[in-house]
Amino acid sequence: MKVILQENLENLGHIGDIVKVAPGYARNYLIPKGYALLANEKNTKALEHAKRQLEYKKNKVLEQAKAVVARIESITLNLLHQAGEEGKLFGSVTNMELAEQLKAQGVEIDRKKIVLADPIKQLGEYTVTVKVHPEVVANLKVVVSKPE
């Protein structure tokens, strides 16, 4: 008997897979528990339609993410911070400050998506990674300098 999986089952498959199982296993366990649907013509067509819709939405979100990446990579953030003799900052530049500066430039990014291994504590130029989408990453140029 063929069924369409509604849940990820370890030894059987992933959501949306059409698998062949014993009729008793499907009738007595998978279908009553809601883990699967009978793979008849109606359910198969509904699955195909849902897959097409998900693919369309995924492509649309990916295109929007690429547009945001283009905007981020065109921006150079110039930050002025007080620093000591050897260029060491009094304080540090964190992802929260970078998110605020990007917002001032018109790009709204959650601070958790800005990846800083350690806060910036020296004057200079830095390239900061921004994870806009799981498949798309932007590089933000940050220049930290001393006010005159």
N, C-alpha and C. Protein backbone atom coordinates (compact mmCIF):
# COMPACT_ATOMS: atom_id res chain seq x y z
N MET A 1 0.85 -1.17 0.00
CA MET A 1 0.00 0.00 0.00
C MET A 1 0.90 1.24 0.00
N LYS A 2 0.56 2.24 -0.83
CA LYS A 2 1.35 3.46 -0.89
C LYS A 2 0.70 4.55 -0.04
N VAL A 3 1.56 5.26 0.74
CA VAL A 3 1.08 6.34 1.58
C VAL A 3 1.98 7.56 1.40
N ILE A 4 1.43 8.74 1.72
CA ILE A 4 2.19 10.00 1.69
C ILE A 4 2.49 10.36 3.13
N LEU A 5 3.77 10.53 3.46
CA LEU A 5 4.15 10.82 4.84
C LEU A 5 3.83 12.26 5.22
N GLN A 6 3.26 12.43 6.41
CA GLN A 6 2.94 13.74 6.96
C GLN A 6 3.95 14.17 8.02
N GLU A 7 4.79 13.24 8.46
CA GLU A 7 5.80 13.46 9.50
C GLU A 7 7.10 12.82 9.04
N ASN A 8 8.21 13.28 9.60
CA ASN A 8 9.48 12.63 9.36
C ASN A 8 9.54 11.38 10.24
N LEU A 9 9.64 10.23 9.61
CA LEU A 9 9.75 8.97 10.36
C LEU A 9 11.12 8.38 10.07
N GLU A 10 11.82 8.01 11.13
CA GLU A 10 13.23 7.66 11.03
C GLU A 10 13.53 6.56 10.01
N ASN A 11 12.83 5.46 10.06
CA ASN A 11 13.15 4.34 9.17
C ASN A 11 12.33 4.33 7.89
N LEU A 12 11.49 5.35 7.70
CA LEU A 12 10.56 5.34 6.57
C LEU A 12 10.85 6.44 5.55
N GLY A 13 11.01 7.69 6.00
CA GLY A 13 11.25 8.78 5.07
C GLY A 13 10.92 10.12 5.69
N HIS A 14 10.86 11.13 4.81
CA HIS A 14 10.62 12.51 5.23
C HIS A 14 9.23 12.96 4.81
N ILE A 15 8.82 14.12 5.31
CA ILE A 15 7.52 14.68 4.99
C ILE A 15 7.38 14.83 3.47
N GLY A 16 6.25 14.38 2.94
CA GLY A 16 5.98 14.52 1.51
C GLY A 16 6.43 13.33 0.68
N ASP A 17 7.19 12.41 1.25
CA ASP A 17 7.63 11.23 0.50
C ASP A 17 6.45 10.28 0.31
N ILE A 18 6.43 9.62 -0.85
CA ILE A 18 5.43 8.58 -1.09
C ILE A 18 6.17 7.26 -0.92
N VAL A 19 5.74 6.47 0.07
CA VAL A 19 6.42 5.21 0.38
C VAL A 19 5.44 4.05 0.33
N LYS A 20 6.00 2.87 0.09
CA LYS A 20 5.19 1.66 0.06
C LYS A 20 5.38 0.93 1.38
N VAL A 21 4.27 0.67 2.06
CA VAL A 21 4.30 -0.02 3.36
C VAL A 21 3.28 -1.15 3.35
N ALA A 22 3.37 -2.00 4.36
CA ALA A 22 2.40 -3.09 4.51
C ALA A 22 1.02 -2.48 4.79
N PRO A 23 -0.04 -3.05 4.22
CA PRO A 23 -1.37 -2.49 4.41
C PRO A 23 -1.78 -2.38 5.89
N GLY A 24 -1.44 -3.36 6.71
CA GLY A 24 -1.81 -3.32 8.12
C GLY A 24 -1.08 -2.21 8.86
N TYR A 25 0.18 -1.99 8.52
CA TYR A 25 0.98 -0.93 9.15
C TYR A 25 0.37 0.43 8.84
N ALA A 26 -0.06 0.62 7.60
CA ALA A 26 -0.67 1.88 7.19
C ALA A 26 -2.04 2.05 7.86
N ARG A 27 -2.87 1.03 7.77
CA ARG A 27 -4.25 1.10 8.25
C ARG A 27 -4.33 1.19 9.78
N ASN A 28 -3.45 0.48 10.49
CA ASN A 28 -3.55 0.39 11.95
C ASN A 28 -2.65 1.38 12.69
N TYR A 29 -1.61 1.89 12.04
CA TYR A 29 -0.69 2.76 12.77
C TYR A 29 -0.49 4.12 12.10
N LEU A 30 -0.02 4.15 10.87
CA LEU A 30 0.36 5.41 10.23
C LEU A 30 -0.83 6.36 10.02
N ILE A 31 -1.90 5.86 9.44
CA ILE A 31 -3.04 6.73 9.12
C ILE A 31 -3.80 7.17 10.39
N PRO A 32 -4.11 6.27 11.35
CA PRO A 32 -4.81 6.74 12.57
C PRO A 32 -4.00 7.73 13.40
N LYS A 33 -2.67 7.57 13.44
CA LYS A 33 -1.82 8.48 14.22
C LYS A 33 -1.58 9.80 13.49
N GLY A 34 -1.97 9.90 12.22
CA GLY A 34 -1.78 11.13 11.46
C GLY A 34 -0.38 11.25 10.86
N TYR A 35 0.36 10.15 10.84
CA TYR A 35 1.71 10.17 10.28
C TYR A 35 1.70 10.08 8.75
N ALA A 36 0.57 9.62 8.18
CA ALA A 36 0.52 9.43 6.73
C ALA A 36 -0.91 9.56 6.22
N LEU A 37 -1.00 9.79 4.91
CA LEU A 37 -2.28 9.80 4.19
C LEU A 37 -2.23 8.73 3.12
N LEU A 38 -3.37 8.19 2.77
CA LEU A 38 -3.45 7.24 1.68
C LEU A 38 -3.03 7.94 0.39
N ALA A 39 -2.19 7.32 -0.41
CA ALA A 39 -1.67 7.95 -1.63
C ALA A 39 -2.64 7.72 -2.79
N ASN A 40 -3.86 8.22 -2.66
CA ASN A 40 -4.80 8.14 -3.77
C ASN A 40 -4.58 9.33 -4.71
N GLU A 41 -5.34 9.40 -5.77
CA GLU A 41 -5.14 10.45 -6.78
C GLU A 41 -5.35 11.86 -6.21
N LYS A 42 -6.39 12.02 -5.39
CA LYS A 42 -6.70 13.33 -4.80
C LYS A 42 -5.56 13.82 -3.90
N ASN A 43 -5.09 12.97 -2.99
CA ASN A 43 -4.02 13.36 -2.07
C ASN A 43 -2.69 13.61 -2.79
N THR A 44 -2.43 12.84 -3.83
CA THR A 44 -1.20 13.02 -4.60
C THR A 44 -1.21 14.36 -5.32
N LYS A 45 -2.36 14.73 -5.90
CA LYS A 45 -2.47 16.03 -6.58
C LYS A 45 -2.32 17.17 -5.57
N ALA A 46 -2.92 17.03 -4.40
CA ALA A 46 -2.79 18.06 -3.36
C ALA A 46 -1.34 18.21 -2.93
N LEU A 47 -0.62 17.10 -2.82
CA LEU A 47 0.80 17.13 -2.44
C LEU A 47 1.62 17.87 -3.50
N GLU A 48 1.37 17.56 -4.76
CA GLU A 48 2.10 18.23 -5.86
C GLU A 48 1.84 19.74 -5.84
N HIS A 49 0.58 20.11 -5.62
CA HIS A 49 0.21 21.53 -5.57
C HIS A 49 0.92 22.22 -4.41
N ALA A 50 0.93 21.58 -3.24
CA ALA A 50 1.60 22.17 -2.07
C ALA A 50 3.10 22.32 -2.31
N LYS A 51 3.72 21.35 -2.97
CA LYS A 51 5.15 21.43 -3.28
C LYS A 51 5.45 22.59 -4.22
N ARG A 52 4.59 22.79 -5.22
CA ARG A 52 4.78 23.91 -6.15
C ARG A 52 4.67 25.24 -5.43
N GLN A 53 3.67 25.35 -4.54
CA GLN A 53 3.49 26.59 -3.79
C GLN A 53 4.69 26.87 -2.89
N LEU A 54 5.19 25.86 -2.19
CA LEU A 54 6.35 26.03 -1.33
C LEU A 54 7.58 26.45 -2.12
N GLU A 55 7.75 25.85 -3.29
CA GLU A 55 8.90 26.20 -4.14
C GLU A 55 8.80 27.66 -4.60
N TYR A 56 7.59 28.09 -4.97
CA TYR A 56 7.39 29.48 -5.39
C TYR A 56 7.71 30.44 -4.25
N LYS A 57 7.19 30.14 -3.04
CA LYS A 57 7.45 31.01 -1.89
C LYS A 57 8.94 31.04 -1.55
N LYS A 58 9.59 29.89 -1.64
CA LYS A 58 11.01 29.80 -1.34
C LYS A 58 11.81 30.66 -2.32
N ASN A 59 11.47 30.60 -3.59
CA ASN A 59 12.17 31.40 -4.60
C ASN A 59 11.94 32.89 -4.38
N LYS A 60 10.73 33.26 -4.00
CA LYS A 60 10.41 34.66 -3.77
C LYS A 60 11.21 35.22 -2.59
N VAL A 61 11.28 34.46 -1.49
CA VAL A 61 12.05 34.88 -0.31
C VAL A 61 13.53 34.97 -0.65
N LEU A 62 14.03 34.04 -1.46
CA LEU A 62 15.43 34.05 -1.86
C LEU A 62 15.76 35.29 -2.70
N GLU A 63 14.85 35.67 -3.59
CA GLU A 63 15.06 36.88 -4.40
C GLU A 63 15.09 38.13 -3.52
N GLN A 64 14.19 38.20 -2.54
CA GLN A 64 14.18 39.34 -1.63
C GLN A 64 15.47 39.39 -0.82
N ALA A 65 15.96 38.23 -0.40
CA ALA A 65 17.22 38.18 0.37
C ALA A 65 18.38 38.66 -0.49
N LYS A 66 18.40 38.31 -1.76
CA LYS A 66 19.48 38.74 -2.65
C LYS A 66 19.44 40.26 -2.84
N ALA A 67 18.25 40.84 -2.88
CA ALA A 67 18.14 42.29 -3.00
C ALA A 67 18.68 42.97 -1.74
N VAL A 68 18.39 42.42 -0.58
CA VAL A 68 18.90 42.97 0.67
C VAL A 68 20.43 42.86 0.71
N VAL A 69 20.96 41.75 0.23
CA VAL A 69 22.42 41.56 0.19
C VAL A 69 23.07 42.64 -0.67
N ALA A 70 22.47 42.93 -1.82
CA ALA A 70 23.03 43.96 -2.70
C ALA A 70 23.05 45.31 -1.99
N ARG A 71 21.99 45.62 -1.24
CA ARG A 71 21.96 46.90 -0.51
C ARG A 71 23.01 46.94 0.59
N ILE A 72 23.15 45.83 1.32
CA ILE A 72 24.12 45.79 2.42
C ILE A 72 25.54 45.92 1.89
N GLU A 73 25.85 45.23 0.81
CA GLU A 73 27.21 45.25 0.28
C GLU A 73 27.57 46.59 -0.35
N SER A 74 26.57 47.41 -0.68
CA SER A 74 26.85 48.73 -1.23
C SER A 74 27.13 49.76 -0.13
N ILE A 75 26.87 49.39 1.12
CA ILE A 75 27.03 50.31 2.25
C ILE A 75 28.39 50.11 2.92
N THR A 76 29.02 51.21 3.27
CA THR A 76 30.21 51.18 4.12
C THR A 76 29.87 51.97 5.37
N LEU A 77 29.93 51.31 6.53
CA LEU A 77 29.62 51.99 7.78
C LEU A 77 30.89 52.65 8.32
N ASN A 78 30.84 53.95 8.52
CA ASN A 78 31.96 54.68 9.12
C ASN A 78 31.58 55.02 10.55
N LEU A 79 32.27 54.41 11.49
CA LEU A 79 31.97 54.62 12.90
C LEU A 79 33.09 55.41 13.56
N LEU A 80 32.72 56.39 14.38
CA LEU A 80 33.69 57.19 15.12
C LEU A 80 33.65 56.76 16.58
N HIS A 81 34.82 56.35 17.09
CA HIS A 81 34.91 55.92 18.48
C HIS A 81 36.17 56.50 19.10
N GLN A 82 36.09 56.82 20.38
CA GLN A 82 37.27 57.28 21.12
C GLN A 82 38.22 56.10 21.25
N ALA A 83 39.52 56.38 21.07
CA ALA A 83 40.51 55.32 21.15
C ALA A 83 41.75 55.83 21.85
N GLY A 84 42.52 54.89 22.38
CA GLY A 84 43.76 55.22 23.06
C GLY A 84 44.90 55.42 22.08
N GLU A 85 46.12 55.51 22.62
CA GLU A 85 47.32 55.78 21.82
C GLU A 85 47.57 54.72 20.75
N GLU A 86 47.41 53.47 21.08
CA GLU A 86 47.75 52.39 20.15
C GLU A 86 46.57 51.95 19.29
N GLY A 87 45.52 52.74 19.23
CA GLY A 87 44.37 52.41 18.40
C GLY A 87 43.36 51.50 19.09
N LYS A 88 43.54 51.25 20.36
CA LYS A 88 42.60 50.42 21.11
C LYS A 88 41.40 51.26 21.52
N LEU A 89 40.20 50.77 21.22
CA LEU A 89 38.97 51.51 21.50
C LEU A 89 38.64 51.54 22.98
N PHE A 90 38.03 52.64 23.41
CA PHE A 90 37.43 52.71 24.74
C PHE A 90 36.03 52.13 24.57
N GLY A 91 35.86 50.88 24.94
CA GLY A 91 34.61 50.18 24.67
C GLY A 91 34.82 49.29 23.46
N SER A 92 33.75 48.94 22.77
CA SER A 92 33.87 48.09 21.59
C SER A 92 32.67 48.31 20.67
N VAL A 93 32.82 47.84 19.45
CA VAL A 93 31.73 47.89 18.47
C VAL A 93 31.08 46.51 18.46
N THR A 94 29.78 46.45 18.76
CA THR A 94 29.06 45.18 18.83
C THR A 94 28.07 45.06 17.67
N ASN A 95 27.50 43.87 17.54
CA ASN A 95 26.51 43.67 16.49
C ASN A 95 25.26 44.52 16.71
N MET A 96 24.97 44.88 17.96
CA MET A 96 23.82 45.74 18.25
C MET A 96 24.03 47.14 17.66
N GLU A 97 25.23 47.67 17.82
CA GLU A 97 25.54 48.99 17.26
C GLU A 97 25.53 48.95 15.74
N LEU A 98 26.06 47.87 15.17
CA LEU A 98 26.06 47.74 13.71
C LEU A 98 24.62 47.67 13.18
N ALA A 99 23.73 46.96 13.89
CA ALA A 99 22.33 46.87 13.47
C ALA A 99 21.67 48.24 13.51
N GLU A 100 21.98 49.05 14.54
CA GLU A 100 21.42 50.39 14.63
C GLU A 100 21.92 51.27 13.49
N GLN A 101 23.21 51.15 13.16
CA GLN A 101 23.77 51.95 12.06
C GLN A 101 23.15 51.55 10.72
N LEU A 102 22.94 50.25 10.53
CA LEU A 102 22.29 49.79 9.29
C LEU A 102 20.86 50.29 9.21
N LYS A 103 20.16 50.32 10.35
CA LYS A 103 18.79 50.82 10.37
C LYS A 103 18.77 52.29 9.99
N ALA A 104 19.76 53.05 10.45
CA ALA A 104 19.86 54.47 10.09
C ALA A 104 20.11 54.62 8.58
N GLN A 105 20.73 53.64 7.96
CA GLN A 105 20.99 53.67 6.51
C GLN A 105 19.78 53.15 5.72
N GLY A 106 18.76 52.66 6.42
CA GLY A 106 17.55 52.21 5.73
C GLY A 106 17.48 50.70 5.52
N VAL A 107 18.38 49.94 6.14
CA VAL A 107 18.36 48.48 6.01
C VAL A 107 18.09 47.90 7.40
N GLU A 108 16.94 47.26 7.56
CA GLU A 108 16.58 46.72 8.87
C GLU A 108 16.97 45.25 8.94
N ILE A 109 17.96 44.96 9.79
CA ILE A 109 18.46 43.61 9.97
C ILE A 109 18.45 43.30 11.47
N ASP A 110 18.03 42.10 11.82
CA ASP A 110 18.07 41.67 13.22
C ASP A 110 19.53 41.54 13.65
N ARG A 111 19.85 42.01 14.83
CA ARG A 111 21.25 42.01 15.28
C ARG A 111 21.81 40.61 15.39
N LYS A 112 20.96 39.61 15.58
CA LYS A 112 21.43 38.23 15.70
C LYS A 112 21.93 37.67 14.38
N LYS A 113 21.57 38.33 13.28
CA LYS A 113 22.03 37.87 11.97
C LYS A 113 23.39 38.46 11.60
N ILE A 114 23.86 39.42 12.39
CA ILE A 114 25.18 40.01 12.16
C ILE A 114 26.18 39.17 12.94
N VAL A 115 27.12 38.54 12.23
CA VAL A 115 28.04 37.58 12.84
C VAL A 115 29.37 38.26 13.14
N LEU A 116 29.63 38.44 14.42
CA LEU A 116 30.92 38.95 14.89
C LEU A 116 31.50 37.88 15.81
N ALA A 117 32.67 37.35 15.48
CA ALA A 117 33.29 36.35 16.36
C ALA A 117 33.56 36.99 17.72
N ASP A 118 34.17 38.17 17.69
CA ASP A 118 34.43 38.95 18.90
C ASP A 118 34.06 40.39 18.58
N PRO A 119 33.65 41.18 19.59
CA PRO A 119 33.40 42.60 19.33
C PRO A 119 34.67 43.29 18.80
N ILE A 120 34.48 44.31 17.96
CA ILE A 120 35.61 45.04 17.39
C ILE A 120 36.18 45.96 18.47
N LYS A 121 37.49 45.83 18.74
CA LYS A 121 38.11 46.61 19.82
C LYS A 121 39.31 47.42 19.35
N GLN A 122 39.54 47.46 18.02
CA GLN A 122 40.67 48.20 17.46
C GLN A 122 40.18 49.10 16.34
N LEU A 123 40.90 50.19 16.08
CA LEU A 123 40.61 51.03 14.92
C LEU A 123 40.98 50.24 13.66
N GLY A 124 40.32 50.54 12.54
CA GLY A 124 40.68 49.91 11.28
C GLY A 124 39.47 49.55 10.45
N GLU A 125 39.74 48.81 9.36
CA GLU A 125 38.68 48.35 8.46
C GLU A 125 38.38 46.89 8.75
N TYR A 126 37.11 46.57 8.73
CA TYR A 126 36.68 45.20 9.01
C TYR A 126 35.62 44.79 8.01
N THR A 127 35.56 43.49 7.75
CA THR A 127 34.50 42.92 6.94
C THR A 127 33.68 42.03 7.88
N VAL A 128 32.40 42.36 8.00
CA VAL A 128 31.51 41.65 8.91
C VAL A 128 30.51 40.85 8.09
N THR A 129 30.28 39.61 8.50
CA THR A 129 29.34 38.74 7.80
C THR A 129 27.92 38.96 8.33
N VAL A 130 26.96 39.07 7.39
CA VAL A 130 25.55 39.21 7.75
C VAL A 130 24.78 38.06 7.09
N LYS A 131 24.18 37.21 7.92
CA LYS A 131 23.40 36.08 7.39
C LYS A 131 21.97 36.53 7.13
N VAL A 132 21.70 36.93 5.91
CA VAL A 132 20.38 37.45 5.53
C VAL A 132 19.39 36.30 5.39
N HIS A 133 19.85 35.17 4.88
CA HIS A 133 19.02 34.01 4.56
C HIS A 133 19.92 32.79 4.73
N PRO A 134 19.39 31.62 5.04
CA PRO A 134 20.27 30.46 5.20
C PRO A 134 21.16 30.18 3.98
N GLU A 135 20.72 30.56 2.79
CA GLU A 135 21.50 30.30 1.59
C GLU A 135 22.28 31.53 1.12
N VAL A 136 22.02 32.70 1.68
CA VAL A 136 22.62 33.95 1.19
C VAL A 136 23.30 34.69 2.34
N VAL A 137 24.57 35.08 2.10
CA VAL A 137 25.36 35.79 3.11
C VAL A 137 25.90 37.07 2.49
N ALA A 138 25.87 38.17 3.25
CA ALA A 138 26.39 39.45 2.77
C ALA A 138 27.64 39.81 3.57
N ASN A 139 28.53 40.58 2.93
CA ASN A 139 29.71 41.10 3.61
C ASN A 139 29.56 42.60 3.76
N LEU A 140 29.56 43.06 5.01
CA LEU A 140 29.41 44.47 5.33
C LEU A 140 30.77 45.05 5.65
N LYS A 141 31.09 46.17 5.02
CA LYS A 141 32.38 46.82 5.27
C LYS A 141 32.17 47.84 6.38
N VAL A 142 33.02 47.73 7.43
CA VAL A 142 32.94 48.63 8.58
C VAL A 142 34.30 49.29 8.77
N VAL A 143 34.29 50.62 8.85
CA VAL A 143 35.52 51.38 9.10
C VAL A 143 35.36 52.05 10.46
N VAL A 144 36.26 51.72 11.39
CA VAL A 144 36.24 52.32 12.72
C VAL A 144 37.41 53.29 12.78
N SER A 145 37.08 54.57 13.06
CA SER A 145 38.13 55.59 13.12
C SER A 145 37.93 56.47 14.33
N LYS A 146 38.96 57.26 14.60
CA LYS A 146 38.97 58.17 15.73
C LYS A 146 38.36 59.50 15.30
N PRO A 147 37.54 60.14 16.14
CA PRO A 147 37.05 61.47 15.77
C PRO A 147 38.19 62.49 15.87
N GLU A 148 38.17 63.47 14.99
CA GLU A 148 39.25 64.47 14.95
C GLU A 148 39.03 65.54 15.97
